N, C-alpha and C. Protein backbone atom coordinates (compact mmCIF):
# COMPACT_ATOMS: atom_id res chain seq x y z
N MET A 1 9.72 -52.92 -19.42
CA MET A 1 9.64 -53.51 -20.71
C MET A 1 10.35 -52.55 -21.77
N ARG A 2 11.00 -53.24 -22.60
CA ARG A 2 11.74 -52.39 -23.66
C ARG A 2 11.04 -52.64 -25.01
N PHE A 3 10.78 -51.62 -25.77
CA PHE A 3 10.10 -51.75 -26.94
C PHE A 3 11.21 -51.73 -28.17
N LYS A 4 10.98 -52.44 -29.22
CA LYS A 4 11.86 -52.49 -30.41
C LYS A 4 11.40 -51.61 -31.41
N LEU A 5 12.16 -50.62 -31.92
CA LEU A 5 11.76 -49.84 -33.00
C LEU A 5 12.09 -50.64 -34.43
N TYR A 6 11.09 -50.93 -35.10
CA TYR A 6 11.25 -51.76 -36.37
C TYR A 6 11.53 -50.82 -37.64
N TYR A 7 11.12 -49.55 -37.58
CA TYR A 7 11.14 -48.81 -38.75
C TYR A 7 11.01 -47.32 -38.38
N SER A 8 11.90 -46.44 -38.97
CA SER A 8 11.77 -45.05 -38.81
C SER A 8 12.26 -44.35 -40.08
N LYS A 9 11.37 -43.71 -40.70
CA LYS A 9 11.80 -42.78 -41.83
C LYS A 9 11.02 -41.46 -41.68
N LEU A 10 11.71 -40.44 -41.46
CA LEU A 10 11.15 -39.20 -41.13
C LEU A 10 11.60 -38.18 -42.24
N PRO A 11 10.90 -37.16 -42.54
CA PRO A 11 11.28 -36.15 -43.53
C PRO A 11 12.51 -35.47 -42.97
N LYS A 12 13.35 -34.99 -43.82
CA LYS A 12 14.62 -34.26 -43.58
C LYS A 12 14.35 -33.00 -42.71
N ASP A 13 13.15 -32.42 -42.84
CA ASP A 13 12.91 -31.18 -42.19
C ASP A 13 12.02 -31.35 -41.00
N ILE A 14 11.88 -32.58 -40.54
CA ILE A 14 10.96 -33.00 -39.34
C ILE A 14 11.10 -31.92 -38.17
N ALA A 15 12.44 -31.53 -37.90
CA ALA A 15 12.68 -30.69 -36.80
C ALA A 15 11.95 -29.37 -36.77
N SER A 16 11.49 -28.93 -37.96
CA SER A 16 10.85 -27.71 -38.06
C SER A 16 9.32 -27.77 -38.28
N ARG A 17 8.79 -28.97 -38.03
CA ARG A 17 7.41 -29.24 -38.30
C ARG A 17 6.65 -29.53 -36.89
N TYR A 18 5.28 -29.38 -36.88
CA TYR A 18 4.49 -29.85 -35.92
C TYR A 18 4.22 -31.30 -36.29
N VAL A 19 4.12 -32.25 -35.41
CA VAL A 19 3.92 -33.58 -35.63
C VAL A 19 2.75 -34.23 -34.97
N LEU A 20 1.90 -34.88 -35.69
CA LEU A 20 0.71 -35.60 -35.07
C LEU A 20 1.19 -36.98 -34.91
N LEU A 21 1.18 -37.42 -33.68
CA LEU A 21 1.56 -38.88 -33.41
C LEU A 21 0.22 -39.50 -33.07
N LEU A 22 -0.11 -40.62 -33.87
CA LEU A 22 -1.28 -41.30 -33.61
C LEU A 22 -1.07 -42.66 -33.13
N ASP A 23 -1.88 -43.13 -32.13
CA ASP A 23 -1.81 -44.41 -31.55
C ASP A 23 -3.28 -44.83 -31.03
N PRO A 24 -3.82 -45.81 -31.40
CA PRO A 24 -5.28 -46.12 -31.07
C PRO A 24 -5.33 -46.37 -29.59
N MET A 25 -4.49 -47.02 -28.94
CA MET A 25 -4.51 -47.42 -27.56
C MET A 25 -3.34 -46.97 -26.77
N LEU A 26 -3.51 -46.45 -25.62
CA LEU A 26 -2.54 -46.03 -24.67
C LEU A 26 -2.75 -46.85 -23.41
N ALA A 27 -1.99 -47.90 -23.17
CA ALA A 27 -2.15 -48.80 -22.04
C ALA A 27 -1.20 -48.28 -21.02
N THR A 28 0.07 -48.82 -21.17
CA THR A 28 1.12 -48.46 -20.15
C THR A 28 1.76 -47.01 -20.60
N GLY A 29 1.73 -46.87 -21.99
CA GLY A 29 2.43 -45.64 -22.49
C GLY A 29 3.79 -45.83 -23.04
N GLY A 30 4.32 -47.06 -22.84
CA GLY A 30 5.60 -47.43 -23.35
C GLY A 30 5.95 -47.12 -24.84
N SER A 31 5.03 -47.57 -25.69
CA SER A 31 5.34 -47.49 -27.15
C SER A 31 5.16 -46.06 -27.53
N ALA A 32 4.17 -45.36 -27.01
CA ALA A 32 3.98 -44.01 -27.32
C ALA A 32 5.15 -43.18 -26.82
N MET A 33 5.73 -43.44 -25.63
CA MET A 33 6.86 -42.64 -25.24
C MET A 33 8.03 -42.97 -26.02
N GLN A 34 8.21 -44.12 -26.53
CA GLN A 34 9.43 -44.48 -27.41
C GLN A 34 9.32 -43.72 -28.75
N ALA A 35 8.04 -43.57 -29.24
CA ALA A 35 7.74 -42.83 -30.46
C ALA A 35 8.16 -41.28 -30.15
N VAL A 36 7.76 -40.79 -29.10
CA VAL A 36 8.05 -39.36 -28.84
C VAL A 36 9.55 -39.26 -28.76
N GLN A 37 10.28 -40.18 -28.11
CA GLN A 37 11.70 -40.10 -27.90
C GLN A 37 12.45 -40.11 -29.31
N VAL A 38 11.93 -40.95 -30.25
CA VAL A 38 12.51 -40.97 -31.68
C VAL A 38 12.44 -39.57 -32.21
N LEU A 39 11.15 -38.89 -32.09
CA LEU A 39 11.00 -37.54 -32.58
C LEU A 39 11.95 -36.59 -31.94
N LEU A 40 12.06 -36.66 -30.57
CA LEU A 40 12.98 -35.77 -29.83
C LEU A 40 14.38 -35.97 -30.43
N ASP A 41 14.75 -37.23 -30.59
CA ASP A 41 16.19 -37.48 -31.14
C ASP A 41 16.46 -36.99 -32.36
N ASN A 42 15.36 -36.65 -33.20
CA ASN A 42 15.42 -36.02 -34.44
C ASN A 42 15.16 -34.50 -34.45
N ASN A 43 15.23 -34.03 -33.21
CA ASN A 43 15.27 -32.55 -32.94
C ASN A 43 13.86 -31.88 -33.14
N VAL A 44 12.75 -32.75 -32.94
CA VAL A 44 11.44 -32.13 -32.97
C VAL A 44 11.37 -31.56 -31.51
N LYS A 45 10.77 -30.29 -31.51
CA LYS A 45 10.49 -29.80 -30.15
C LYS A 45 9.32 -30.56 -29.48
N GLU A 46 9.47 -30.65 -28.10
CA GLU A 46 8.36 -31.46 -27.46
C GLU A 46 7.10 -30.74 -27.57
N ASP A 47 7.12 -29.42 -27.48
CA ASP A 47 5.80 -28.85 -27.59
C ASP A 47 5.33 -28.65 -29.11
N HIS A 48 5.98 -29.26 -30.03
CA HIS A 48 5.54 -29.40 -31.36
C HIS A 48 4.85 -30.78 -31.70
N ILE A 49 4.76 -31.61 -30.62
CA ILE A 49 4.20 -32.97 -30.82
C ILE A 49 2.74 -32.87 -30.28
N ILE A 50 1.82 -33.44 -30.98
CA ILE A 50 0.39 -33.74 -30.60
C ILE A 50 0.15 -35.14 -30.72
N PHE A 51 -0.22 -35.63 -29.49
CA PHE A 51 -0.51 -37.03 -29.46
C PHE A 51 -1.94 -37.37 -29.59
N LEU A 52 -2.40 -38.05 -30.57
CA LEU A 52 -3.82 -38.34 -30.75
C LEU A 52 -4.02 -39.88 -30.44
N ASN A 53 -5.03 -40.13 -29.47
CA ASN A 53 -5.22 -41.41 -29.01
C ASN A 53 -6.75 -41.65 -28.88
N LEU A 54 -7.23 -42.91 -29.20
CA LEU A 54 -8.70 -43.17 -29.20
C LEU A 54 -8.97 -43.63 -27.83
N ILE A 55 -8.29 -44.61 -27.22
CA ILE A 55 -8.74 -45.01 -25.86
C ILE A 55 -7.43 -45.15 -25.04
N GLY A 56 -7.41 -44.59 -23.80
CA GLY A 56 -6.42 -44.61 -22.92
C GLY A 56 -6.66 -45.13 -21.40
N SER A 57 -5.57 -45.34 -20.71
CA SER A 57 -5.78 -45.69 -19.27
C SER A 57 -5.24 -44.55 -18.55
N PRO A 58 -5.72 -44.31 -17.31
CA PRO A 58 -5.21 -43.35 -16.43
C PRO A 58 -3.81 -43.57 -16.07
N GLU A 59 -3.36 -44.78 -15.90
CA GLU A 59 -2.00 -45.15 -15.62
C GLU A 59 -1.08 -44.80 -16.86
N GLY A 60 -1.43 -45.04 -18.02
CA GLY A 60 -0.63 -44.62 -19.26
C GLY A 60 -0.54 -43.12 -19.47
N ILE A 61 -1.66 -42.48 -19.27
CA ILE A 61 -1.70 -41.04 -19.33
C ILE A 61 -0.73 -40.48 -18.26
N ASP A 62 -0.78 -40.86 -17.09
CA ASP A 62 -0.05 -40.23 -16.01
C ASP A 62 1.40 -40.45 -16.24
N CYS A 63 1.79 -41.72 -16.71
CA CYS A 63 3.25 -41.95 -17.00
C CYS A 63 3.68 -41.12 -18.13
N PHE A 64 2.82 -41.01 -19.26
CA PHE A 64 3.26 -40.30 -20.31
C PHE A 64 3.44 -38.72 -19.98
N ILE A 65 2.47 -38.17 -19.28
CA ILE A 65 2.59 -36.75 -18.87
C ILE A 65 3.76 -36.52 -18.04
N ALA A 66 4.10 -37.50 -17.11
CA ALA A 66 5.29 -37.22 -16.20
C ALA A 66 6.50 -37.23 -17.03
N LYS A 67 6.59 -38.02 -18.16
CA LYS A 67 7.87 -38.01 -19.02
C LYS A 67 7.94 -36.86 -19.95
N TYR A 68 6.82 -36.51 -20.55
CA TYR A 68 6.71 -35.57 -21.53
C TYR A 68 5.60 -34.52 -21.36
N PRO A 69 5.82 -33.63 -20.41
CA PRO A 69 4.70 -32.68 -19.99
C PRO A 69 4.37 -31.67 -21.09
N LYS A 70 5.23 -31.39 -21.99
CA LYS A 70 4.96 -30.39 -23.00
C LYS A 70 4.11 -30.95 -24.30
N VAL A 71 4.12 -32.31 -24.36
CA VAL A 71 3.44 -32.82 -25.50
C VAL A 71 1.82 -32.74 -25.26
N LYS A 72 1.12 -32.21 -26.19
CA LYS A 72 -0.30 -32.10 -26.08
C LYS A 72 -0.81 -33.39 -26.43
N ILE A 73 -1.94 -33.87 -25.69
CA ILE A 73 -2.65 -35.15 -25.78
C ILE A 73 -4.16 -34.82 -26.08
N VAL A 74 -4.53 -35.50 -27.12
CA VAL A 74 -6.01 -35.52 -27.43
C VAL A 74 -6.51 -36.89 -27.31
N ILE A 75 -7.38 -37.16 -26.49
CA ILE A 75 -7.92 -38.54 -26.30
C ILE A 75 -9.38 -38.69 -26.39
N GLY A 76 -9.90 -39.71 -27.05
CA GLY A 76 -11.28 -39.94 -27.25
C GLY A 76 -11.96 -40.52 -26.04
N GLU A 77 -11.40 -41.42 -25.41
CA GLU A 77 -12.03 -42.11 -24.22
C GLU A 77 -11.04 -42.51 -23.14
N LEU A 78 -11.19 -42.09 -21.91
CA LEU A 78 -10.29 -42.52 -20.83
C LEU A 78 -11.08 -43.55 -20.08
N ASP A 79 -10.58 -44.84 -20.20
CA ASP A 79 -11.18 -45.98 -19.61
C ASP A 79 -10.79 -46.10 -18.19
N ALA A 80 -11.32 -47.13 -17.41
CA ALA A 80 -11.17 -47.31 -16.05
C ALA A 80 -9.71 -47.53 -15.59
N GLY A 81 -8.97 -48.36 -16.33
CA GLY A 81 -7.61 -48.69 -16.00
C GLY A 81 -7.10 -49.85 -16.66
N LEU A 82 -6.12 -50.45 -16.04
CA LEU A 82 -5.50 -51.67 -16.58
C LEU A 82 -5.75 -52.84 -15.75
N ASN A 83 -5.86 -54.01 -16.47
CA ASN A 83 -5.93 -55.25 -15.57
C ASN A 83 -4.58 -55.69 -15.18
N GLU A 84 -4.52 -56.95 -14.68
CA GLU A 84 -3.26 -57.44 -14.22
C GLU A 84 -2.36 -57.86 -15.43
N ASP A 85 -2.86 -57.97 -16.59
CA ASP A 85 -2.12 -58.19 -17.82
C ASP A 85 -1.65 -56.90 -18.51
N LYS A 86 -1.99 -55.82 -18.01
CA LYS A 86 -1.65 -54.50 -18.61
C LYS A 86 -2.48 -54.18 -19.80
N TYR A 87 -3.69 -54.80 -19.83
CA TYR A 87 -4.65 -54.51 -20.87
C TYR A 87 -5.58 -53.47 -20.38
N ILE A 88 -6.11 -52.50 -21.31
CA ILE A 88 -7.09 -51.50 -20.87
C ILE A 88 -8.39 -52.20 -20.67
N VAL A 89 -9.07 -51.83 -19.52
CA VAL A 89 -10.38 -52.32 -19.11
C VAL A 89 -11.31 -51.13 -18.95
N PRO A 90 -12.50 -51.18 -19.59
CA PRO A 90 -13.02 -52.28 -20.33
C PRO A 90 -12.32 -52.35 -21.79
N GLY A 91 -11.91 -51.34 -22.28
CA GLY A 91 -11.08 -51.31 -23.58
C GLY A 91 -11.97 -51.84 -24.82
N CYS A 92 -11.25 -52.20 -25.76
CA CYS A 92 -11.98 -52.78 -27.08
C CYS A 92 -11.28 -53.97 -27.49
N GLY A 93 -10.54 -54.66 -26.68
CA GLY A 93 -9.85 -55.80 -27.17
C GLY A 93 -8.54 -55.49 -27.89
N ASP A 94 -8.11 -56.33 -28.69
CA ASP A 94 -6.88 -55.97 -29.54
C ASP A 94 -7.16 -55.21 -30.63
N PHE A 95 -6.88 -53.97 -30.67
CA PHE A 95 -7.25 -52.94 -31.73
C PHE A 95 -6.56 -53.39 -32.98
N GLY A 96 -5.43 -53.86 -32.99
CA GLY A 96 -4.79 -54.27 -34.37
C GLY A 96 -5.48 -55.48 -34.89
N CYS A 97 -5.82 -56.47 -34.24
CA CYS A 97 -6.66 -57.66 -34.73
C CYS A 97 -7.95 -57.19 -35.21
N ARG A 98 -8.63 -56.36 -34.55
CA ARG A 98 -9.98 -55.85 -34.97
C ARG A 98 -9.78 -55.09 -36.20
N TYR A 99 -8.79 -54.18 -36.22
CA TYR A 99 -8.71 -53.30 -37.45
C TYR A 99 -8.46 -54.00 -38.65
N PHE A 100 -7.37 -55.07 -38.57
CA PHE A 100 -7.00 -55.82 -39.69
C PHE A 100 -7.82 -57.21 -39.93
N GLY A 101 -8.83 -57.43 -39.03
CA GLY A 101 -9.70 -58.56 -39.16
C GLY A 101 -8.93 -59.82 -38.92
N THR A 102 -7.92 -59.89 -38.09
CA THR A 102 -7.26 -61.10 -37.79
C THR A 102 -7.60 -61.74 -36.46
N ASP A 103 -8.61 -61.19 -35.75
CA ASP A 103 -9.02 -61.81 -34.47
C ASP A 103 -9.85 -62.97 -34.53
């Protein structure tokens, strides 16, 4: 699956900073890995990225760590895994819909 980057506006000195990357759910890891790649493409050092995540799956964490082993990960809850539709189980449903009240 290919993810589409809709917007990116980073400070000019981003390469000299530590970056906190926040994502509420880490299912397959695809969108988080694309976000890390955007930071790396802007010369942020991999070991200067800290990924903060509320709920993740073992599959997503394994894939993420395999690609970016120097990124630090802070996760609130590691759930059982992914279902056949690649949703985290038990998970919390669609985080965006819940957060914005659109479910």
